[in-house]
C-alpha cells in the first residue's frame, strides 16, 4: 500500500501576508491595487515549505488570495456579481454570495496564474476548482433552471481545467462539499457536470467532499467519472467506514483523517488506527491522506502541527 499525504485546499496565511492584504484592501478604496507578485510568491514559498517540511507529497497552493472560499472562483467569471455576506456552511466565517445576472463566460484565466506560480516552487501541485457547490452557494437570476446553471459553470471549469492541464496540472481536485446535502435528482446533474469538466483532459481527477459523512450520496457517487473520491473521516468516520466496507469501491480514496476545524491535536496512535481501518476496506494500492477540510480555519502554527502528526503516522508503512 502506497500512502500519499496531501492537503485539501486552503492554508492559513502567514501573519505578515494577512497584514499586507489588509493594507492592500484599504488602499483599494482609493483605487484598484493589485497584489504584488513578489509578495505573493514569498507567501507561497513559505506555506509550501511548511507543507513540505511536515511531510506532504502532493501540495495545494493554499488559496492564499481566495477571499470568498470556493466562491472566489466566481469573481473571475463574467456574469456573476458578488452580493451580501452569507455564512459558509456551519462555520463561523462568511462569503459574499455570487449572483448570476447574465450568461456566464470565462473571458480570462481563473486560477491558472496562481497554479503556474505555485508549480514553479513545488512541482507536485493539485489544482482546486468547483462546480455544483458554486451553484448551490450562489443565486441564479439568469438561467431557466438549476441544471442549465450548473452546466454553464461546468463548461467554464472544463475550459479552465484544460488550460491548467496545458500548464502542467497532473492532478485536479473538484471541491464539492454541497454534494453531501444533495437530493438524488441533483446527484445526476452533478455527475453530468463532472463528465463535462474532465472532457478531453488527461489529468487525475479528485472529487472532494467534507463537513459530514457521505451516506446520502452512496452508491451514486461511485459512478462519478473521477479517479479519487475524498471522504471526511473525522466528522463522518464511522459511517464512511461502513460505506467503504459495504461497497468495496475500485476507486482510490482521499481520506480526511485530521480535523481541519479544531485546534485540538490528534493522538498519533489514533490516527494510525484510523488509517489501518480505512486500508482494511480498500481495493486499491494507493491511499491519499489529508486533513478533512481546508486548514484556513486553524491558526498558522497549528496547521503545520496537524500535518506533521498526520504524516508521521504513516512511518510504519
C-alpha atoms as a PDB file:
ATOM      1  CA  UNK A   1       0.000   0.000   0.000  1.00  0.00           C
ATOM      2  CA  UNK A   2       1.325   3.411  -1.004  1.00  0.00           C
ATOM      3  CA  UNK A   3       0.097   6.224   1.241  1.00  0.00           C
ATOM      4  CA  UNK A   4       0.411   9.752  -0.163  1.00  0.00           C
ATOM      5  CA  UNK A   5      -0.065  12.685   2.235  1.00  0.00           C
ATOM      6  CA  UNK A   6      -1.774  15.673   0.644  1.00  0.00           C
ATOM      7  CA  UNK A   7      -3.748  18.772   1.566  1.00  0.00           C
ATOM      8  CA  UNK A   8      -7.323  19.678   0.654  1.00  0.00           C
ATOM      9  CA  UNK A   9      -7.032  23.292  -0.445  1.00  0.00           C
ATOM     10  CA  UNK A  10      -6.796  26.304   1.834  1.00  0.00           C
ATOM     11  CA  UNK A  11      -3.936  27.007   4.256  1.00  0.00           C
ATOM     12  CA  UNK A  12      -3.642  29.731   6.910  1.00  0.00           C
ATOM     13  CA  UNK A  13      -1.936  32.868   5.660  1.00  0.00           C
ATOM     14  CA  UNK A  14       1.336  33.904   7.315  1.00  0.00           C
ATOM     15  CA  UNK A  15       0.728  36.849   9.651  1.00  0.00           C
ATOM     16  CA  UNK A  16       2.825  39.226   7.571  1.00  0.00           C
ATOM     17  CA  UNK A  17       0.833  38.327   4.435  1.00  0.00           C
ATOM     18  CA  UNK A  18      -2.509  38.809   6.229  1.00  0.00           C
ATOM     19  CA  UNK A  19      -1.361  42.276   7.271  1.00  0.00           C
ATOM     20  CA  UNK A  20      -0.233  43.027   3.719  1.00  0.00           C
ATOM     21  CA  UNK A  21      -3.654  42.010   2.341  1.00  0.00           C
ATOM     22  CA  UNK A  22      -5.422  44.169   4.949  1.00  0.00           C
ATOM     23  CA  UNK A  23      -3.369  47.200   3.952  1.00  0.00           C
ATOM     24  CA  UNK A  24      -3.986  46.472   0.291  1.00  0.00           C
ATOM     25  CA  UNK A  25      -7.734  46.253   0.882  1.00  0.00           C
ATOM     26  CA  UNK A  26      -7.635  49.692   2.485  1.00  0.00           C
ATOM     27  CA  UNK A  27      -5.747  51.108  -0.487  1.00  0.00           C
ATOM     28  CA  UNK A  28      -8.272  49.620  -2.892  1.00  0.00           C
ATOM     29  CA  UNK A  29     -10.863  52.036  -1.569  1.00  0.00           C
ATOM     30  CA  UNK A  30      -8.765  54.776  -3.107  1.00  0.00           C
ATOM     31  CA  UNK A  31      -8.225  52.928  -6.376  1.00  0.00           C
ATOM     32  CA  UNK A  32      -7.569  49.439  -7.697  1.00  0.00           C
ATOM     33  CA  UNK A  33      -4.333  47.962  -6.328  1.00  0.00           C
ATOM     34  CA  UNK A  34      -3.079  44.578  -7.478  1.00  0.00           C
ATOM     35  CA  UNK A  35      -1.273  42.095  -5.264  1.00  0.00           C
ATOM     36  CA  UNK A  36       2.463  42.347  -5.833  1.00  0.00           C
ATOM     37  CA  UNK A  37       3.731  39.170  -7.453  1.00  0.00           C
ATOM     38  CA  UNK A  38       6.877  39.022  -5.326  1.00  0.00           C
ATOM     39  CA  UNK A  39       4.906  39.358  -2.071  1.00  0.00           C
ATOM     40  CA  UNK A  40       2.511  36.634  -3.161  1.00  0.00           C
ATOM     41  CA  UNK A  41       5.393  34.406  -4.254  1.00  0.00           C
ATOM     42  CA  UNK A  42       7.111  34.832  -0.885  1.00  0.00           C
ATOM     43  CA  UNK A  43       3.919  33.770   0.891  1.00  0.00           C
ATOM     44  CA  UNK A  44       3.584  30.757  -1.429  1.00  0.00           C
ATOM     45  CA  UNK A  45       7.180  29.720  -0.743  1.00  0.00           C
ATOM     46  CA  UNK A  46       6.543  29.915   2.979  1.00  0.00           C
ATOM     47  CA  UNK A  47       3.379  27.827   3.095  1.00  0.00           C
ATOM     48  CA  UNK A  48       4.618  25.287   0.536  1.00  0.00           C
ATOM     49  CA  UNK A  49       7.764  24.813   2.621  1.00  0.00           C
ATOM     50  CA  UNK A  50       5.559  24.321   5.678  1.00  0.00           C
ATOM     51  CA  UNK A  51       3.735  21.556   3.825  1.00  0.00           C
ATOM     52  CA  UNK A  52       6.995  20.022   2.575  1.00  0.00           C
ATOM     53  CA  UNK A  53       8.674  20.066   5.985  1.00  0.00           C
ATOM     54  CA  UNK A  54       5.575  18.462   7.500  1.00  0.00           C
ATOM     55  CA  UNK A  55       5.842  15.518   5.099  1.00  0.00           C
ATOM     56  CA  UNK A  56       3.292  16.403   2.407  1.00  0.00           C
ATOM     57  CA  UNK A  57       3.950  14.876  -1.034  1.00  0.00           C
ATOM     58  CA  UNK A  58       1.042  16.289  -3.073  1.00  0.00           C
ATOM     59  CA  UNK A  59       0.578  20.004  -2.443  1.00  0.00           C
ATOM     60  CA  UNK A  60      -2.035  22.722  -2.856  1.00  0.00           C
ATOM     61  CA  UNK A  61      -1.232  26.418  -3.180  1.00  0.00           C
ATOM     62  CA  UNK A  62      -3.150  27.291  -0.006  1.00  0.00           C
ATOM     63  CA  UNK A  63      -5.646  29.565  -1.780  1.00  0.00           C
ATOM     64  CA  UNK A  64      -3.883  32.500  -0.139  1.00  0.00           C
ATOM     65  CA  UNK A  65      -5.766  35.170  -2.100  1.00  0.00           C
ATOM     66  CA  UNK A  66      -9.194  33.470  -2.083  1.00  0.00           C
ATOM     67  CA  UNK A  67     -11.326  35.863  -0.043  1.00  0.00           C
ATOM     68  CA  UNK A  68     -14.640  34.021  -0.556  1.00  0.00           C
ATOM     69  CA  UNK A  69     -13.727  30.344  -0.157  1.00  0.00           C
ATOM     70  CA  UNK A  70     -14.827  28.415  -3.255  1.00  0.00           C
ATOM     71  CA  UNK A  71     -16.880  31.386  -4.458  1.00  0.00           C
ATOM     72  CA  UNK A  72     -13.637  33.229  -5.128  1.00  0.00           C
ATOM     73  CA  UNK A  73     -13.755  31.402  -8.469  1.00  0.00           C
ATOM     74  CA  UNK A  74     -16.928  33.328  -9.321  1.00  0.00           C
ATOM     75  CA  UNK A  75     -15.121  36.657  -9.023  1.00  0.00           C
ATOM     76  CA  UNK A  76     -13.185  35.678 -12.159  1.00  0.00           C
ATOM     77  CA  UNK A  77     -16.248  34.650 -14.196  1.00  0.00           C
ATOM     78  CA  UNK A  78     -18.144  37.246 -16.238  1.00  0.00           C
ATOM     79  CA  UNK A  79     -21.861  37.241 -15.470  1.00  0.00           C
ATOM     80  CA  UNK A  80     -21.511  36.900 -11.706  1.00  0.00           C
ATOM     81  CA  UNK A  81     -21.916  39.816  -9.308  1.00  0.00           C
ATOM     82  CA  UNK A  82     -20.859  39.470  -5.677  1.00  0.00           C
ATOM     83  CA  UNK A  83     -23.616  40.264  -3.186  1.00  0.00           C
ATOM     84  CA  UNK A  84     -24.009  40.310   0.620  1.00  0.00           C
ATOM     85  CA  UNK A  85     -22.310  38.113   3.197  1.00  0.00           C
ATOM     86  CA  UNK A  86     -23.629  34.594   3.841  1.00  0.00           C
ATOM     87  CA  UNK A  87     -22.444  32.019   6.366  1.00  0.00           C
ATOM     88  CA  UNK A  88     -20.194  29.346   4.840  1.00  0.00           C
ATOM     89  CA  UNK A  89     -21.884  26.052   5.755  1.00  0.00           C
ATOM     90  CA  UNK A  90     -21.866  25.700   9.570  1.00  0.00           C
ATOM     91  CA  UNK A  91     -18.599  27.591  10.062  1.00  0.00           C
ATOM     92  CA  UNK A  92     -18.229  30.918  11.830  1.00  0.00           C
ATOM     93  CA  UNK A  93     -16.986  32.531   8.634  1.00  0.00           C
ATOM     94  CA  UNK A  94     -18.752  34.213   5.732  1.00  0.00           C
ATOM     95  CA  UNK A  95     -18.502  34.622   1.979  1.00  0.00           C
ATOM     96  CA  UNK A  96     -20.004  37.073  -0.496  1.00  0.00           C
ATOM     97  CA  UNK A  97     -22.852  35.392  -2.349  1.00  0.00           C
ATOM     98  CA  UNK A  98     -22.335  35.290  -6.139  1.00  0.00           C
ATOM     99  CA  UNK A  99     -25.409  36.221  -8.180  1.00  0.00           C
ATOM    100  CA  UNK A 100     -25.668  35.096 -11.807  1.00  0.00           C
ATOM    101  CA  UNK A 101     -27.048  38.169 -13.538  1.00  0.00           C
ATOM    102  CA  UNK A 102     -26.331  37.233 -17.160  1.00  0.00           C
ATOM    103  CA  UNK A 103     -24.735  34.493 -19.257  1.00  0.00           C
ATOM    104  CA  UNK A 104     -21.627  33.157 -17.539  1.00  0.00           C
ATOM    105  CA  UNK A 105     -18.425  33.361 -19.552  1.00  0.00           C
ATOM    106  CA  UNK A 106     -14.742  32.674 -18.954  1.00  0.00           C
ATOM    107  CA  UNK A 107     -13.029  35.589 -20.653  1.00  0.00           C
ATOM    108  CA  UNK A 108      -9.783  35.219 -18.682  1.00  0.00           C
ATOM    109  CA  UNK A 109      -7.924  32.621 -16.681  1.00  0.00           C
ATOM    110  CA  UNK A 110      -9.358  31.883 -13.237  1.00  0.00           C
ATOM    111  CA  UNK A 111      -6.579  30.203 -11.223  1.00  0.00           C
ATOM    112  CA  UNK A 112      -4.057  29.346 -13.959  1.00  0.00           C
ATOM    113  CA  UNK A 113      -1.555  32.043 -12.995  1.00  0.00           C
ATOM    114  CA  UNK A 114      -1.789  31.070  -9.305  1.00  0.00           C
ATOM    115  CA  UNK A 115      -1.175  27.435 -10.278  1.00  0.00           C
ATOM    116  CA  UNK A 116       1.781  28.265 -12.514  1.00  0.00           C
ATOM    117  CA  UNK A 117       3.496  30.289  -9.812  1.00  0.00           C
ATOM    118  CA  UNK A 118       2.988  27.562  -7.203  1.00  0.00           C
ATOM    119  CA  UNK A 119       4.259  24.911  -9.621  1.00  0.00           C
ATOM    120  CA  UNK A 120       7.481  26.862 -10.114  1.00  0.00           C
ATOM    121  CA  UNK A 121       8.101  26.416  -6.400  1.00  0.00           C
ATOM    122  CA  UNK A 122       6.743  22.889  -5.874  1.00  0.00           C
ATOM    123  CA  UNK A 123       6.136  20.723  -8.966  1.00  0.00           C
ATOM    124  CA  UNK A 124       3.511  18.363  -7.471  1.00  0.00           C
ATOM    125  CA  UNK A 125       0.652  20.849  -7.162  1.00  0.00           C
ATOM    126  CA  UNK A 126      -3.005  19.798  -7.091  1.00  0.00           C
ATOM    127  CA  UNK A 127      -5.231  22.457  -8.654  1.00  0.00           C
ATOM    128  CA  UNK A 128      -8.611  23.061  -6.976  1.00  0.00           C
ATOM    129  CA  UNK A 129     -11.839  24.057  -8.733  1.00  0.00           C
ATOM    130  CA  UNK A 130     -15.569  23.609  -8.021  1.00  0.00           C
ATOM    131  CA  UNK A 131     -18.898  23.481  -9.847  1.00  0.00           C
ATOM    132  CA  UNK A 132     -22.042  22.098  -8.166  1.00  0.00           C
ATOM    133  CA  UNK A 133     -21.110  23.695  -4.832  1.00  0.00           C
ATOM    134  CA  UNK A 134     -20.593  27.061  -6.520  1.00  0.00           C
ATOM    135  CA  UNK A 135     -24.113  26.810  -7.909  1.00  0.00           C
ATOM    136  CA  UNK A 136     -25.514  25.842  -4.502  1.00  0.00           C
ATOM    137  CA  UNK A 137     -23.771  28.746  -2.774  1.00  0.00           C
ATOM    138  CA  UNK A 138     -24.904  31.207  -5.453  1.00  0.00           C
ATOM    139  CA  UNK A 139     -28.154  32.790  -6.571  1.00  0.00           C
ATOM    140  CA  UNK A 140     -29.326  32.178 -10.113  1.00  0.00           C
ATOM    141  CA  UNK A 141     -31.136  35.126 -11.724  1.00  0.00           C
ATOM    142  CA  UNK A 142     -30.419  34.261 -15.362  1.00  0.00           C
ATOM    143  CA  UNK A 143     -30.710  30.554 -16.201  1.00  0.00           C
ATOM    144  CA  UNK A 144     -34.042  28.798 -16.559  1.00  0.00           C
ATOM    145  CA  UNK A 145     -33.323  26.003 -14.096  1.00  0.00           C
ATOM    146  CA  UNK A 146     -30.636  24.511 -11.865  1.00  0.00           C
ATOM    147  CA  UNK A 147     -29.316  22.106 -14.497  1.00  0.00           C
ATOM    148  CA  UNK A 148     -28.690  24.896 -17.001  1.00  0.00           C
ATOM    149  CA  UNK A 149     -26.936  26.904 -14.305  1.00  0.00           C
ATOM    150  CA  UNK A 150     -24.713  24.022 -13.161  1.00  0.00           C
ATOM    151  CA  UNK A 151     -23.824  23.002 -16.704  1.00  0.00           C
ATOM    152  CA  UNK A 152     -22.863  26.565 -17.609  1.00  0.00           C
ATOM    153  CA  UNK A 153     -20.403  26.532 -14.706  1.00  0.00           C
ATOM    154  CA  UNK A 154     -19.185  23.073 -15.761  1.00  0.00           C
ATOM    155  CA  UNK A 155     -18.347  24.295 -19.268  1.00  0.00           C
ATOM    156  CA  UNK A 156     -16.317  27.140 -17.782  1.00  0.00           C
ATOM    157  CA  UNK A 157     -14.496  24.783 -15.410  1.00  0.00           C
ATOM    158  CA  UNK A 158     -13.705  22.488 -18.344  1.00  0.00           C
ATOM    159  CA  UNK A 159     -12.093  25.420 -20.145  1.00  0.00           C
ATOM    160  CA  UNK A 160     -10.107  26.259 -17.021  1.00  0.00           C
ATOM    161  CA  UNK A 161      -9.098  22.638 -16.404  1.00  0.00           C
ATOM    162  CA  UNK A 162      -7.850  22.329 -19.990  1.00  0.00           C
ATOM    163  CA  UNK A 163      -5.677  25.406 -19.516  1.00  0.00           C
ATOM    164  CA  UNK A 164      -4.414  24.053 -16.194  1.00  0.00           C
ATOM    165  CA  UNK A 165      -3.505  20.745 -17.855  1.00  0.00           C
ATOM    166  CA  UNK A 166      -1.745  22.576 -20.668  1.00  0.00           C
ATOM    167  CA  UNK A 167       0.370  24.251 -17.985  1.00  0.00           C
ATOM    168  CA  UNK A 168       1.348  21.008 -16.320  1.00  0.00           C
ATOM    169  CA  UNK A 169      -1.511  20.181 -13.935  1.00  0.00           C
ATOM    170  CA  UNK A 170      -1.429  16.405 -13.406  1.00  0.00           C
ATOM    171  CA  UNK A 171      -3.918  16.497 -10.516  1.00  0.00           C
ATOM    172  CA  UNK A 172      -7.168  18.471 -10.458  1.00  0.00           C
ATOM    173  CA  UNK A 173      -9.490  18.416  -7.460  1.00  0.00           C
ATOM    174  CA  UNK A 174     -13.169  19.319  -7.760  1.00  0.00           C
ATOM    175  CA  UNK A 175     -14.336  20.528  -4.333  1.00  0.00           C
ATOM    176  CA  UNK A 176     -17.969  19.591  -3.771  1.00  0.00           C
ATOM    177  CA  UNK A 177     -18.993  19.732  -0.081  1.00  0.00           C
ATOM    178  CA  UNK A 178     -22.544  20.621  -1.144  1.00  0.00           C
ATOM    179  CA  UNK A 179     -22.921  17.174  -2.718  1.00  0.00           C
ATOM    180  CA  UNK A 180     -23.298  15.720   0.777  1.00  0.00           C
ATOM    181  CA  UNK A 181     -26.583  17.635   1.131  1.00  0.00           C
ATOM    182  CA  UNK A 182     -27.837  16.980  -2.411  1.00  0.00           C
ATOM    183  CA  UNK A 183     -31.082  15.285  -3.349  1.00  0.00           C
ATOM    184  CA  UNK A 184     -30.936  12.272  -5.681  1.00  0.00           C
ATOM    185  CA  UNK A 185     -32.015  14.252  -8.745  1.00  0.00           C
ATOM    186  CA  UNK A 186     -29.239  16.759  -8.119  1.00  0.00           C
ATOM    187  CA  UNK A 187     -26.642  13.991  -7.995  1.00  0.00           C
ATOM    188  CA  UNK A 188     -27.406  13.184 -11.620  1.00  0.00           C
ATOM    189  CA  UNK A 189     -26.881  16.838 -12.555  1.00  0.00           C
ATOM    190  CA  UNK A 190     -23.593  16.897 -10.645  1.00  0.00           C
ATOM    191  CA  UNK A 191     -22.440  13.678 -12.311  1.00  0.00           C
ATOM    192  CA  UNK A 192     -23.106  15.119 -15.768  1.00  0.00           C
ATOM    193  CA  UNK A 193     -21.270  18.285 -14.748  1.00  0.00           C
ATOM    194  CA  UNK A 194     -18.177  16.338 -13.690  1.00  0.00           C
ATOM    195  CA  UNK A 195     -18.249  14.481 -17.009  1.00  0.00           C
ATOM    196  CA  UNK A 196     -18.199  17.845 -18.793  1.00  0.00           C
ATOM    197  CA  UNK A 197     -15.430  19.235 -16.565  1.00  0.00           C
ATOM    198  CA  UNK A 198     -12.964  16.443 -17.294  1.00  0.00           C
ATOM    199  CA  UNK A 199     -13.834  16.144 -21.003  1.00  0.00           C
ATOM    200  CA  UNK A 200     -10.680  15.971 -23.107  1.00  0.00           C
ATOM    201  CA  UNK A 201      -8.335  16.201 -20.106  1.00  0.00           C
ATOM    202  CA  UNK A 202      -5.846  13.503 -19.116  1.00  0.00           C
ATOM    203  CA  UNK A 203      -5.169  14.708 -15.571  1.00  0.00           C
ATOM    204  CA  UNK A 204      -6.039  12.648 -12.487  1.00  0.00           C
ATOM    205  CA  UNK A 205      -9.308  13.979 -11.065  1.00  0.00           C
ATOM    206  CA  UNK A 206     -10.215  14.078  -7.384  1.00  0.00           C
ATOM    207  CA  UNK A 207     -13.727  14.747  -6.065  1.00  0.00           C
ATOM    208  CA  UNK A 208     -13.505  16.153  -2.534  1.00  0.00           C
ATOM    209  CA  UNK A 209     -16.358  16.126  -0.009  1.00  0.00           C
ATOM    210  CA  UNK A 210     -16.197  17.266   3.608  1.00  0.00           C
ATOM    211  CA  UNK A 211     -18.105  18.546   6.669  1.00  0.00           C
ATOM    212  CA  UNK A 212     -20.137  15.327   7.151  1.00  0.00           C
ATOM    213  CA  UNK A 213     -20.438  11.671   6.135  1.00  0.00           C
ATOM    214  CA  UNK A 214     -21.329  10.602   2.600  1.00  0.00           C
ATOM    215  CA  UNK A 215     -24.266   8.275   3.342  1.00  0.00           C
ATOM    216  CA  UNK A 216     -26.704  10.417   1.390  1.00  0.00           C
ATOM    217  CA  UNK A 217     -24.714  10.168  -1.862  1.00  0.00           C
ATOM    218  CA  UNK A 218     -23.812   6.456  -1.839  1.00  0.00           C
ATOM    219  CA  UNK A 219     -23.668   4.485  -4.047  1.00  0.00           C
ATOM    220  CA  UNK A 220     -24.318   7.154  -6.705  1.00  0.00           C
ATOM    221  CA  UNK A 221     -21.005   8.901  -6.037  1.00  0.00           C
ATOM    222  CA  UNK A 222     -19.157   5.759  -7.143  1.00  0.00           C
ATOM    223  CA  UNK A 223     -20.467   6.309 -10.677  1.00  0.00           C
ATOM    224  CA  UNK A 224     -18.961   9.790 -10.967  1.00  0.00           C
ATOM    225  CA  UNK A 225     -16.212   9.928 -13.631  1.00  0.00           C
ATOM    226  CA  UNK A 226     -13.353  10.703 -11.240  1.00  0.00           C
ATOM    227  CA  UNK A 227     -10.256   8.768 -10.185  1.00  0.00           C
ATOM    228  CA  UNK A 228     -10.230   9.610  -6.467  1.00  0.00           C
ATOM    229  CA  UNK A 229     -13.093  10.244  -4.041  1.00  0.00           C
ATOM    230  CA  UNK A 230     -12.400  12.403  -0.999  1.00  0.00           C
ATOM    231  CA  UNK A 231     -14.282  11.487   2.193  1.00  0.00           C
ATOM    232  CA  UNK A 232     -14.331  13.049   5.658  1.00  0.00           C
ATOM    233  CA  UNK A 233     -13.082  10.501   8.203  1.00  0.00           C
ATOM    234  CA  UNK A 234     -13.293  12.965  11.082  1.00  0.00           C
ATOM    235  CA  UNK A 235     -16.889  14.169  11.080  1.00  0.00           C
ATOM    236  CA  UNK A 236     -18.099  11.111   9.149  1.00  0.00           C
ATOM    237  CA  UNK A 237     -15.671   8.461  10.381  1.00  0.00           C
ATOM    238  CA  UNK A 238     -17.898   5.552  11.430  1.00  0.00           C
ATOM    239  CA  UNK A 239     -20.455   5.916   8.640  1.00  0.00           C
ATOM    240  CA  UNK A 240     -17.835   6.358   5.919  1.00  0.00           C
ATOM    241  CA  UNK A 241     -16.028   3.239   7.133  1.00  0.00           C
ATOM    242  CA  UNK A 242     -19.323   1.347   6.830  1.00  0.00           C
ATOM    243  CA  UNK A 243     -19.803   2.662   3.302  1.00  0.00           C
ATOM    244  CA  UNK A 244     -16.328   1.544   2.228  1.00  0.00           C
ATOM    245  CA  UNK A 245     -16.949  -1.903   3.697  1.00  0.00           C
ATOM    246  CA  UNK A 246     -20.358  -2.237   2.047  1.00  0.00           C
ATOM    247  CA  UNK A 247     -19.481  -1.028  -1.443  1.00  0.00           C
ATOM    248  CA  UNK A 248     -15.807  -2.022  -1.811  1.00  0.00           C
ATOM    249  CA  UNK A 249     -15.156   0.572  -4.488  1.00  0.00           C
ATOM    250  CA  UNK A 250     -12.331   0.221  -7.003  1.00  0.00           C
ATOM    251  CA  UNK A 251     -11.775   3.970  -6.902  1.00  0.00           C
ATOM    252  CA  UNK A 252      -8.914   5.431  -4.915  1.00  0.00           C
ATOM    253  CA  UNK A 253      -9.791   7.284  -1.726  1.00  0.00           C
ATOM    254  CA  UNK A 254      -8.581  10.587  -0.305  1.00  0.00           C
ATOM    255  CA  UNK A 255      -9.212  10.169   3.424  1.00  0.00           C
ATOM    256  CA  UNK A 256      -9.564  13.254   5.609  1.00  0.00           C
ATOM    257  CA  UNK A 257      -8.137  11.948   8.873  1.00  0.00           C
ATOM    258  CA  UNK A 258      -7.183  15.019  10.943  1.00  0.00           C
ATOM    259  CA  UNK A 259      -9.597  17.771  11.922  1.00  0.00           C
ATOM    260  CA  UNK A 260      -9.084  20.971   9.949  1.00  0.00           C
ATOM    261  CA  UNK A 261     -11.624  22.891  12.064  1.00  0.00           C
ATOM    262  CA  UNK A 262     -10.439  22.081  15.589  1.00  0.00           C
ATOM    263  CA  UNK A 263      -7.165  23.137  17.214  1.00  0.00           C
ATOM    264  CA  UNK A 264      -7.144  20.036  19.455  1.00  0.00           C
ATOM    265  CA  UNK A 265      -4.181  17.936  18.346  1.00  0.00           C
ATOM    266  CA  UNK A 266      -4.782  14.339  17.320  1.00  0.00           C
ATOM    267  CA  UNK A 267      -3.192  11.376  19.062  1.00  0.00           C
ATOM    268  CA  UNK A 268      -0.757   9.755  16.588  1.00  0.00           C
ATOM    269  CA  UNK A 269      -1.818   6.255  17.635  1.00  0.00           C
ATOM    270  CA  UNK A 270      -5.455   7.065  16.980  1.00  0.00           C
ATOM    271  CA  UNK A 271      -4.548   8.423  13.544  1.00  0.00           C
ATOM    272  CA  UNK A 272      -2.638   5.213  12.766  1.00  0.00           C
ATOM    273  CA  UNK A 273      -5.607   3.148  13.846  1.00  0.00           C
ATOM    274  CA  UNK A 274      -7.884   5.228  11.661  1.00  0.00           C
ATOM    275  CA  UNK A 275      -5.625   4.654   8.644  1.00  0.00           C
ATOM    276  CA  UNK A 276      -5.465   0.912   9.387  1.00  0.00           C
ATOM    277  CA  UNK A 277      -9.244   0.686   9.450  1.00  0.00           C
ATOM    278  CA  UNK A 278      -9.538   2.530   6.143  1.00  0.00           C
ATOM    279  CA  UNK A 279      -6.889   0.367   4.448  1.00  0.00           C
ATOM    280  CA  UNK A 280      -8.728  -2.790   5.555  1.00  0.00           C
ATOM    281  CA  UNK A 281     -11.698  -1.640   3.481  1.00  0.00           C
ATOM    282  CA  UNK A 282      -9.858  -0.643   0.290  1.00  0.00           C
ATOM    283  CA  UNK A 283      -9.447  -2.474  -3.016  1.00  0.00           C
ATOM    284  CA  UNK A 284      -6.706  -0.190  -4.313  1.00  0.00           C
ATOM    285  CA  UNK A 285      -2.941   0.082  -3.840  1.00  0.00           C
ATOM    286  CA  UNK A 286      -2.924   3.847  -3.221  1.00  0.00           C
ATOM    287  CA  UNK A 287      -4.452   5.816  -0.352  1.00  0.00           C
ATOM    288  CA  UNK A 288      -4.286   9.601  -0.142  1.00  0.00           C
ATOM    289  CA  UNK A 289      -4.491  11.018   3.383  1.00  0.00           C
ATOM    290  CA  UNK A 290      -5.291  14.637   4.173  1.00  0.00           C
ATOM    291  CA  UNK A 291      -6.940  16.935   6.675  1.00  0.00           C
ATOM    292  CA  UNK A 292     -10.706  16.519   6.444  1.00  0.00           C
ATOM    293  CA  UNK A 293     -11.105  20.066   5.081  1.00  0.00           C
ATOM    294  CA  UNK A 294      -9.026  23.118   4.217  1.00  0.00           C
ATOM    295  CA  UNK A 295      -6.782  24.376   7.023  1.00  0.00           C
ATOM    296  CA  UNK A 296      -7.695  28.059   6.833  1.00  0.00           C
ATOM    297  CA  UNK A 297      -9.894  27.607   9.916  1.00  0.00           C
ATOM    298  CA  UNK A 298      -6.782  26.953  12.067  1.00  0.00           C
ATOM    299  CA  UNK A 299      -4.031  29.214  13.446  1.00  0.00           C
ATOM    300  CA  UNK A 300      -0.900  29.160  11.293  1.00  0.00           C
ATOM    301  CA  UNK A 301       1.270  27.078  13.650  1.00  0.00           C
ATOM    302  CA  UNK A 302      -1.497  24.573  14.370  1.00  0.00           C
ATOM    303  CA  UNK A 303      -1.877  23.787  10.679  1.00  0.00           C
ATOM    304  CA  UNK A 304       1.694  22.568  10.277  1.00  0.00           C
ATOM    305  CA  UNK A 305       1.485  20.657  13.574  1.00  0.00           C
ATOM    306  CA  UNK A 306      -1.617  18.850  12.320  1.00  0.00           C
ATOM    307  CA  UNK A 307       0.156  17.942   9.087  1.00  0.00           C
ATOM    308  CA  UNK A 308       3.204  16.619  10.941  1.00  0.00           C
ATOM    309  CA  UNK A 309       1.050  14.381  13.130  1.00  0.00           C
ATOM    310  CA  UNK A 310      -0.744  13.126  10.042  1.00  0.00           C
ATOM    311  CA  UNK A 311       2.429  12.461   8.043  1.00  0.00           C
ATOM    312  CA  UNK A 312       4.364  10.914  10.939  1.00  0.00           C
ATOM    313  CA  UNK A 313       1.539   8.450  11.464  1.00  0.00           C
ATOM    314  CA  UNK A 314       2.424   6.584   8.256  1.00  0.00           C
ATOM    315  CA  UNK A 315       6.051   5.829   9.146  1.00  0.00           C
ATOM    316  CA  UNK A 316       5.182   2.167   9.764  1.00  0.00           C
ATOM    317  CA  UNK A 317       4.133   1.788   6.137  1.00  0.00           C
END
